[in-house]
Amino acid sequence: MESLLSKHKNNRKLTTLVENRTTYSAEYAELNIYETYAFAEKVSLTFDFPIIASMLTGKKVMHLEGFEAFDFYPGESVVMPTNKEMVIDFPLASEAQPTQCLALGIDATKIDEVVGKFNQQVAIENENNNWDLDTNASHLINNTAVNQLVERLTYTFTNDTKSKDVLLDLMIQELIIRLLQTKAKSLIISNPDQIFNDTRIGSVIKYIKEHLTDRDINVESLAKKAYMSTSHFHKQFKNTLGVSPIDYINSERIKFSKKLIKASNDVRISEIAYKSGFNNTSYFNRQFKKHEMITPTQFVKSVMEK
C-alpha cells in the first residue's frame, strides 16, 4: 500500500490533522483520500453521490444507520448511498501512525447505465433480474475482488497516464458489477428461503450454512444437490455470487473460526482449524491469511490484547 500511495504523497497538502482530504477527479468518478493524524471522535462525513469507502491504514470506529458501531480495518469497505451520514471515531490515529482511508464516489448516471446492462445480461437464475444499489449501507469484509479493484483504481487515479480515463471507466464498470454481485450474495445468504426459495443456488447456500463444518462438502456434491453438471454449477454459482463455491465455503469457515477464537480461552490453531471444517492446518493458515490479511496467530494476539 505504501508504494500504491507514493504518487499521492507528493500531491497532498496537509491542512488539518483530522480527515485531511486530497481529491483526484475523473469523468465519472472522484477519489478522495483522507488522512487523520490525531485522536478524534464523532467526525461526520456525508456525500452527495454514492461512495465506496475503504480503509488503507490504521483503525476507525464506524457509526452507520442500521448498524451497531463496528471497528473498521484495512481490507474492509463500506458502500454508502447518497446523503447517508458516516460518524467516525479515530481511537489510534497519531502523527507517527496516521489513519488513512479512501472514498471513491461514482456518478449516479454511470451506476444506472451499468445496472441496466447488468440486468439485461446477467439474469440471476432467470428470476430475480432487477438489481440495483439501493438506499442501504453495506459493510464488506475482506471481499478480495473489490479490494483488488479499489487498489487498481487508486493507483490509476494517482498516476497520470494517456490511458487513464479509459482504464478508470472500465474499472468503475467492473466495480459496480462486483457490488451488485455482492448485494445478490448478501440477500441469498441472509434469507435463502424467502428471497430465493425457488432457486437451486439459494438451496445450496442454505445447505452450506447448515453443514459448514462437514468435511465431505465439495463442488461435485453441491452440483448434484443443485441438479446441475459440475461445470455449469461452478459457472452459475460464480456468476450469481461473484466468487467460486470453494472460495465461498472457505470464507464462511474462516468467519466461523474467528467466532471460535473469540469464544476460546485456550486457543489451539490446529483445533480451531479442525472444528471449522478444515482437514489441514497449513491450508487453514493460508486461507485465513488470504481472507483476513493476517495470520491466525496474529488474529489470536489481537483478540487477547483487547
Protein backbone atom coordinates (compact mmCIF):
# COMPACT_ATOMS: atom_id res chain seq x y z
CA MET A 1 0.00 0.00 0.00
CA GLU A 2 2.93 2.33 0.66
CA SER A 3 4.09 2.09 -2.98
CA LEU A 4 0.50 2.39 -4.18
CA LEU A 5 0.24 5.77 -2.45
CA SER A 6 3.70 7.03 -3.38
CA LYS A 7 2.41 9.49 -6.01
CA HIS A 8 -0.30 10.64 -3.63
CA LYS A 9 2.30 11.62 -1.01
CA ASN A 10 3.82 14.06 -3.49
CA ASN A 11 0.44 15.59 -4.34
CA ARG A 12 -1.17 16.02 -0.93
CA LYS A 13 -1.20 19.23 1.11
CA LEU A 14 -1.58 18.87 4.88
CA THR A 15 -4.13 21.45 6.06
CA THR A 16 -5.65 19.67 9.07
CA LEU A 17 -4.75 16.77 11.38
CA VAL A 18 -8.25 15.27 11.20
CA GLU A 19 -9.53 13.90 7.88
CA ASN A 20 -7.08 15.86 5.74
CA ARG A 21 -8.51 15.44 2.24
CA THR A 22 -6.87 15.09 -1.18
CA THR A 23 -9.14 14.75 -4.23
CA TYR A 24 -8.49 13.19 -7.64
CA SER A 25 -11.15 13.59 -10.34
CA ALA A 26 -12.17 11.62 -13.44
CA GLU A 27 -15.09 11.78 -15.86
CA TYR A 28 -17.48 9.54 -13.91
CA ALA A 29 -15.80 9.33 -10.52
CA GLU A 30 -13.94 11.14 -7.77
CA LEU A 31 -11.33 9.67 -5.42
CA ASN A 32 -10.88 11.27 -2.00
CA ILE A 33 -8.02 10.14 0.23
CA TYR A 34 -8.45 11.08 3.91
CA GLU A 35 -5.62 11.07 6.45
CA THR A 36 -6.01 11.63 10.19
CA TYR A 37 -3.00 12.32 12.42
CA ALA A 38 -4.64 12.76 15.82
CA PHE A 39 -7.20 11.12 18.10
CA ALA A 40 -10.73 12.27 17.24
CA GLU A 41 -14.35 11.28 17.86
CA LYS A 42 -17.72 11.82 16.18
CA VAL A 43 -16.34 13.15 12.89
CA SER A 44 -19.22 13.35 10.40
CA LEU A 45 -18.96 12.80 6.64
CA THR A 46 -21.77 12.92 4.05
CA PHE A 47 -21.50 12.75 0.26
CA ASP A 48 -23.97 13.90 -2.40
CA PHE A 49 -23.13 10.86 -4.55
CA PRO A 50 -22.83 7.11 -3.83
CA ILE A 51 -19.40 6.11 -2.49
CA ILE A 52 -17.36 3.09 -1.55
CA ALA A 53 -15.04 3.81 1.38
CA SER A 54 -12.06 1.52 2.01
CA MET A 55 -9.53 1.51 4.81
CA LEU A 56 -5.84 1.81 3.86
CA THR A 57 -4.03 2.01 7.22
CA GLY A 58 -4.97 2.23 10.89
CA LYS A 59 -8.36 1.76 12.52
CA LYS A 60 -11.67 3.61 12.65
CA VAL A 61 -14.85 3.01 14.59
CA MET A 62 -17.83 3.47 12.28
CA HIS A 63 -21.33 4.57 13.29
CA LEU A 64 -23.76 3.97 10.41
CA GLU A 65 -27.53 3.94 10.30
CA GLY A 66 -28.77 0.35 10.54
CA PHE A 67 -25.54 -0.99 12.09
CA GLU A 68 -24.15 -1.32 15.58
CA ALA A 69 -20.85 0.58 15.89
CA PHE A 70 -18.05 -1.53 14.39
CA ASP A 71 -14.27 -1.46 14.05
CA PHE A 72 -13.13 -0.64 10.51
CA TYR A 73 -9.78 -2.07 9.39
CA PRO A 74 -7.70 -2.32 6.18
CA GLY A 75 -9.23 -4.89 3.85
CA GLU A 76 -12.76 -3.72 4.67
CA SER A 77 -15.08 -1.39 2.77
CA VAL A 78 -18.45 0.24 3.22
CA VAL A 79 -20.81 1.19 0.42
CA MET A 80 -22.71 4.37 1.23
CA PRO A 81 -25.75 5.69 -0.69
CA THR A 82 -26.15 9.38 -1.48
CA ASN A 83 -26.53 11.72 1.52
CA LYS A 84 -26.12 8.98 4.16
CA GLU A 85 -24.08 10.14 7.16
CA MET A 86 -20.98 8.37 8.43
CA VAL A 87 -19.93 9.24 12.00
CA ILE A 88 -16.36 8.18 12.68
CA ASP A 89 -14.04 7.78 15.70
CA PHE A 90 -10.24 7.62 15.38
CA PRO A 91 -9.01 5.89 18.55
CA LEU A 92 -5.44 5.12 17.39
CA ALA A 93 -4.54 7.91 14.94
CA SER A 94 -1.25 9.73 15.57
CA GLU A 95 1.35 11.69 13.59
CA ALA A 96 3.62 8.64 13.60
CA GLN A 97 0.84 6.25 12.56
CA PRO A 98 -1.92 8.11 10.71
CA THR A 99 -5.24 6.54 9.79
CA GLN A 100 -5.75 6.55 6.00
CA CYS A 101 -8.99 5.88 4.17
CA LEU A 102 -10.25 6.43 0.65
CA ALA A 103 -13.74 7.35 -0.52
CA LEU A 104 -14.49 6.61 -4.16
CA GLY A 105 -17.53 8.47 -5.46
CA ILE A 106 -19.28 7.26 -8.61
CA ASP A 107 -21.68 9.31 -10.75
CA ALA A 108 -25.26 8.06 -10.25
CA THR A 109 -25.93 8.11 -14.01
CA LYS A 110 -22.95 5.81 -14.54
CA ILE A 111 -24.32 3.42 -11.94
CA ASP A 112 -27.74 3.42 -13.64
CA GLU A 113 -26.11 2.70 -17.02
CA VAL A 114 -24.11 -0.27 -15.69
CA VAL A 115 -27.04 -1.59 -13.65
CA GLY A 116 -29.15 -1.61 -16.82
CA LYS A 117 -26.53 -3.66 -18.66
CA PHE A 118 -26.16 -5.99 -15.68
CA ASN A 119 -29.89 -6.65 -15.50
CA GLN A 120 -30.08 -7.35 -19.24
CA GLN A 121 -27.09 -9.66 -19.48
CA VAL A 122 -26.80 -11.36 -16.10
CA ALA A 123 -30.22 -12.69 -15.13
CA ILE A 124 -29.80 -14.44 -11.79
CA GLU A 125 -31.44 -17.85 -12.23
CA ASN A 126 -33.79 -16.12 -14.72
CA GLU A 127 -35.93 -14.96 -11.79
CA ASN A 128 -34.62 -12.03 -9.75
CA ASN A 129 -33.16 -9.96 -12.56
CA ASN A 130 -33.84 -6.43 -11.35
CA TRP A 131 -30.90 -5.50 -9.15
CA ASP A 132 -29.80 -2.03 -8.14
CA LEU A 133 -27.61 -0.41 -5.50
CA ASP A 134 -30.30 0.54 -3.01
CA THR A 135 -30.54 3.11 -0.21
CA ASN A 136 -28.98 0.90 2.47
CA ALA A 137 -25.34 0.93 3.51
CA SER A 138 -23.29 -2.27 3.12
CA HIS A 139 -20.25 -3.42 5.09
CA LEU A 140 -17.86 -5.57 3.02
CA ILE A 141 -15.31 -7.57 4.99
CA ASN A 142 -12.31 -8.79 3.02
CA ASN A 143 -14.02 -9.01 -0.36
CA THR A 144 -10.92 -9.87 -2.36
CA ALA A 145 -12.30 -8.89 -5.77
CA VAL A 146 -13.47 -5.47 -4.53
CA ASN A 147 -10.21 -4.87 -2.63
CA GLN A 148 -8.09 -5.61 -5.69
CA LEU A 149 -10.22 -3.32 -7.86
CA VAL A 150 -10.01 -0.48 -5.33
CA GLU A 151 -6.21 -0.81 -5.26
CA ARG A 152 -6.03 -0.68 -9.07
CA LEU A 153 -8.38 2.30 -9.14
CA THR A 154 -6.32 4.14 -6.55
CA TYR A 155 -3.10 3.53 -8.45
CA THR A 156 -4.67 4.68 -11.74
CA PHE A 157 -6.24 7.79 -10.21
CA THR A 158 -2.96 8.93 -8.66
CA ASN A 159 -0.75 8.21 -11.69
CA ASP A 160 -1.26 10.24 -14.86
CA THR A 161 -1.11 8.12 -18.00
CA LYS A 162 -2.51 8.55 -21.52
CA SER A 163 -4.97 5.68 -20.98
CA LYS A 164 -6.06 6.84 -17.50
CA ASP A 165 -9.67 7.78 -18.34
CA VAL A 166 -10.33 4.64 -20.39
CA LEU A 167 -8.89 2.38 -17.68
CA LEU A 168 -10.88 4.12 -14.94
CA ASP A 169 -14.10 3.78 -16.93
CA LEU A 170 -13.59 0.03 -17.35
CA MET A 171 -12.63 -0.50 -13.69
CA ILE A 172 -15.57 1.54 -12.41
CA GLN A 173 -17.95 -0.57 -14.50
CA GLU A 174 -16.39 -3.72 -13.08
CA LEU A 175 -16.59 -2.37 -9.53
CA ILE A 176 -20.31 -1.61 -9.86
CA ILE A 177 -20.93 -5.16 -11.12
CA ARG A 178 -18.91 -6.61 -8.24
CA LEU A 179 -21.01 -4.62 -5.79
CA LEU A 180 -24.21 -5.83 -7.46
CA GLN A 181 -22.99 -9.40 -7.13
CA THR A 182 -22.13 -8.74 -3.50
CA LYS A 183 -25.67 -7.49 -2.94
CA ALA A 184 -27.09 -10.64 -4.52
CA LYS A 185 -24.79 -12.68 -2.31
CA SER A 186 -25.86 -10.90 0.87
CA LEU A 187 -29.55 -11.33 0.04
CA ILE A 188 -29.18 -15.04 -0.66
CA ILE A 189 -27.11 -15.62 2.47
CA SER A 190 -29.31 -13.60 4.82
CA ASN A 191 -32.60 -15.14 3.70
CA PRO A 192 -32.27 -18.01 1.24
CA ASP A 193 -35.77 -19.35 1.98
CA GLN A 194 -37.83 -16.26 1.26
CA ILE A 195 -35.79 -14.39 -1.35
CA PHE A 196 -34.53 -17.27 -3.46
CA ASN A 197 -36.89 -20.04 -2.37
CA ASP A 198 -37.30 -21.40 -5.91
CA THR A 199 -33.66 -21.28 -6.93
CA ARG A 200 -31.13 -24.04 -6.84
CA ILE A 201 -28.28 -21.71 -5.85
CA GLY A 202 -30.29 -20.49 -2.86
CA SER A 203 -30.90 -24.05 -1.69
CA VAL A 204 -27.19 -24.83 -1.96
CA ILE A 205 -26.28 -21.75 0.11
CA LYS A 206 -28.74 -22.92 2.75
CA TYR A 207 -27.19 -26.39 2.71
CA ILE A 208 -23.66 -24.97 3.10
CA LYS A 209 -24.74 -22.87 6.08
CA GLU A 210 -26.29 -25.90 7.76
CA HIS A 211 -23.31 -28.21 7.05
CA LEU A 212 -20.44 -25.72 7.11
CA THR A 213 -18.06 -27.86 9.18
CA ASP A 214 -18.75 -31.10 7.30
CA ARG A 215 -15.55 -32.28 5.66
CA ASP A 216 -17.24 -34.00 2.75
CA ILE A 217 -18.58 -30.79 1.18
CA ASN A 218 -17.17 -30.40 -2.32
CA VAL A 219 -18.20 -28.87 -5.64
CA GLU A 220 -19.28 -32.20 -7.09
CA SER A 221 -21.67 -32.98 -4.22
CA LEU A 222 -23.10 -29.45 -4.24
CA ALA A 223 -23.64 -29.63 -8.00
CA LYS A 224 -25.65 -32.83 -7.51
CA LYS A 225 -27.83 -31.11 -4.92
CA ALA A 226 -28.44 -28.29 -7.43
CA TYR A 227 -29.22 -30.85 -10.18
CA MET A 228 -26.53 -29.34 -12.40
CA SER A 229 -23.35 -30.57 -14.00
CA THR A 230 -20.24 -29.63 -12.03
CA SER A 231 -19.02 -27.14 -14.65
CA HIS A 232 -22.45 -25.48 -15.05
CA PHE A 233 -22.92 -25.28 -11.28
CA HIS A 234 -19.48 -23.68 -10.80
CA LYS A 235 -20.20 -21.09 -13.51
CA GLN A 236 -23.72 -20.36 -12.23
CA PHE A 237 -22.55 -20.01 -8.62
CA LYS A 238 -19.74 -17.63 -9.57
CA ASN A 239 -21.96 -15.54 -11.87
CA THR A 240 -24.54 -15.17 -9.10
CA LEU A 241 -22.27 -14.51 -6.11
CA GLY A 242 -19.05 -13.28 -7.70
CA VAL A 243 -16.95 -16.00 -6.00
CA SER A 244 -16.34 -19.68 -6.65
CA PRO A 245 -18.08 -22.29 -4.45
CA ILE A 246 -14.80 -23.24 -2.74
CA ASP A 247 -13.86 -19.60 -2.05
CA TYR A 248 -17.31 -19.03 -0.58
CA ILE A 249 -17.09 -22.11 1.67
CA ASN A 250 -13.60 -21.17 2.83
CA SER A 251 -14.63 -17.57 3.59
CA GLU A 252 -17.60 -18.80 5.66
CA ARG A 253 -15.39 -21.27 7.53
CA ILE A 254 -12.86 -18.52 8.28
CA LYS A 255 -15.67 -16.34 9.70
CA PHE A 256 -16.73 -19.30 11.85
CA SER A 257 -13.14 -19.84 13.02
CA LYS A 258 -12.93 -16.20 14.15
CA LYS A 259 -16.02 -16.72 16.31
CA LEU A 260 -14.41 -19.83 17.84
CA ILE A 261 -11.19 -17.93 18.57
CA LYS A 262 -13.08 -15.08 20.24
CA ALA A 263 -15.04 -17.54 22.38
CA SER A 264 -11.99 -19.63 23.44
CA ASN A 265 -9.84 -19.18 26.50
CA ASP A 266 -7.15 -21.60 25.33
CA VAL A 267 -6.71 -21.27 21.57
CA ARG A 268 -5.01 -24.07 19.65
CA ILE A 269 -4.81 -23.23 15.95
CA SER A 270 -4.93 -26.88 14.84
CA GLU A 271 -8.08 -27.49 16.92
CA ILE A 272 -9.75 -24.31 15.60
CA ALA A 273 -8.94 -25.39 12.04
CA TYR A 274 -10.45 -28.85 12.59
CA LYS A 275 -13.60 -27.52 14.27
CA SER A 276 -14.07 -25.05 11.38
CA GLY A 277 -14.16 -27.83 8.79
CA PHE A 278 -10.52 -27.78 7.61
CA ASN A 279 -8.57 -31.06 7.43
CA ASN A 280 -5.22 -29.36 7.06
CA THR A 281 -3.81 -26.72 9.43
CA SER A 282 -1.41 -25.26 6.88
CA TYR A 283 -4.28 -24.87 4.38
CA PHE A 284 -6.35 -23.20 7.11
CA ASN A 285 -3.45 -20.80 7.80
CA ARG A 286 -3.16 -19.90 4.10
CA GLN A 287 -6.90 -19.33 3.74
CA PHE A 288 -7.05 -17.25 6.93
CA LYS A 289 -4.21 -15.03 5.66
CA LYS A 290 -5.90 -14.75 2.25
CA HIS A 291 -9.27 -13.65 3.67
CA GLU A 292 -8.17 -11.68 6.75
CA MET A 293 -4.74 -10.46 5.57
CA ILE A 294 -3.24 -11.52 8.89
CA THR A 295 -2.30 -14.98 10.18
CA PRO A 296 -4.47 -16.86 12.70
CA THR A 297 -1.74 -16.36 15.31
CA GLN A 298 -1.77 -12.59 14.73
CA PHE A 299 -5.57 -12.58 15.00
CA VAL A 300 -5.42 -14.53 18.28
CA LYS A 301 -2.92 -11.99 19.62
CA SER A 302 -5.16 -9.05 18.61
CA VAL A 303 -8.13 -10.68 20.37
CA MET A 304 -6.13 -11.35 23.53
CA GLU A 305 -4.93 -7.73 23.67
CA LYS A 306 -8.48 -6.35 23.79
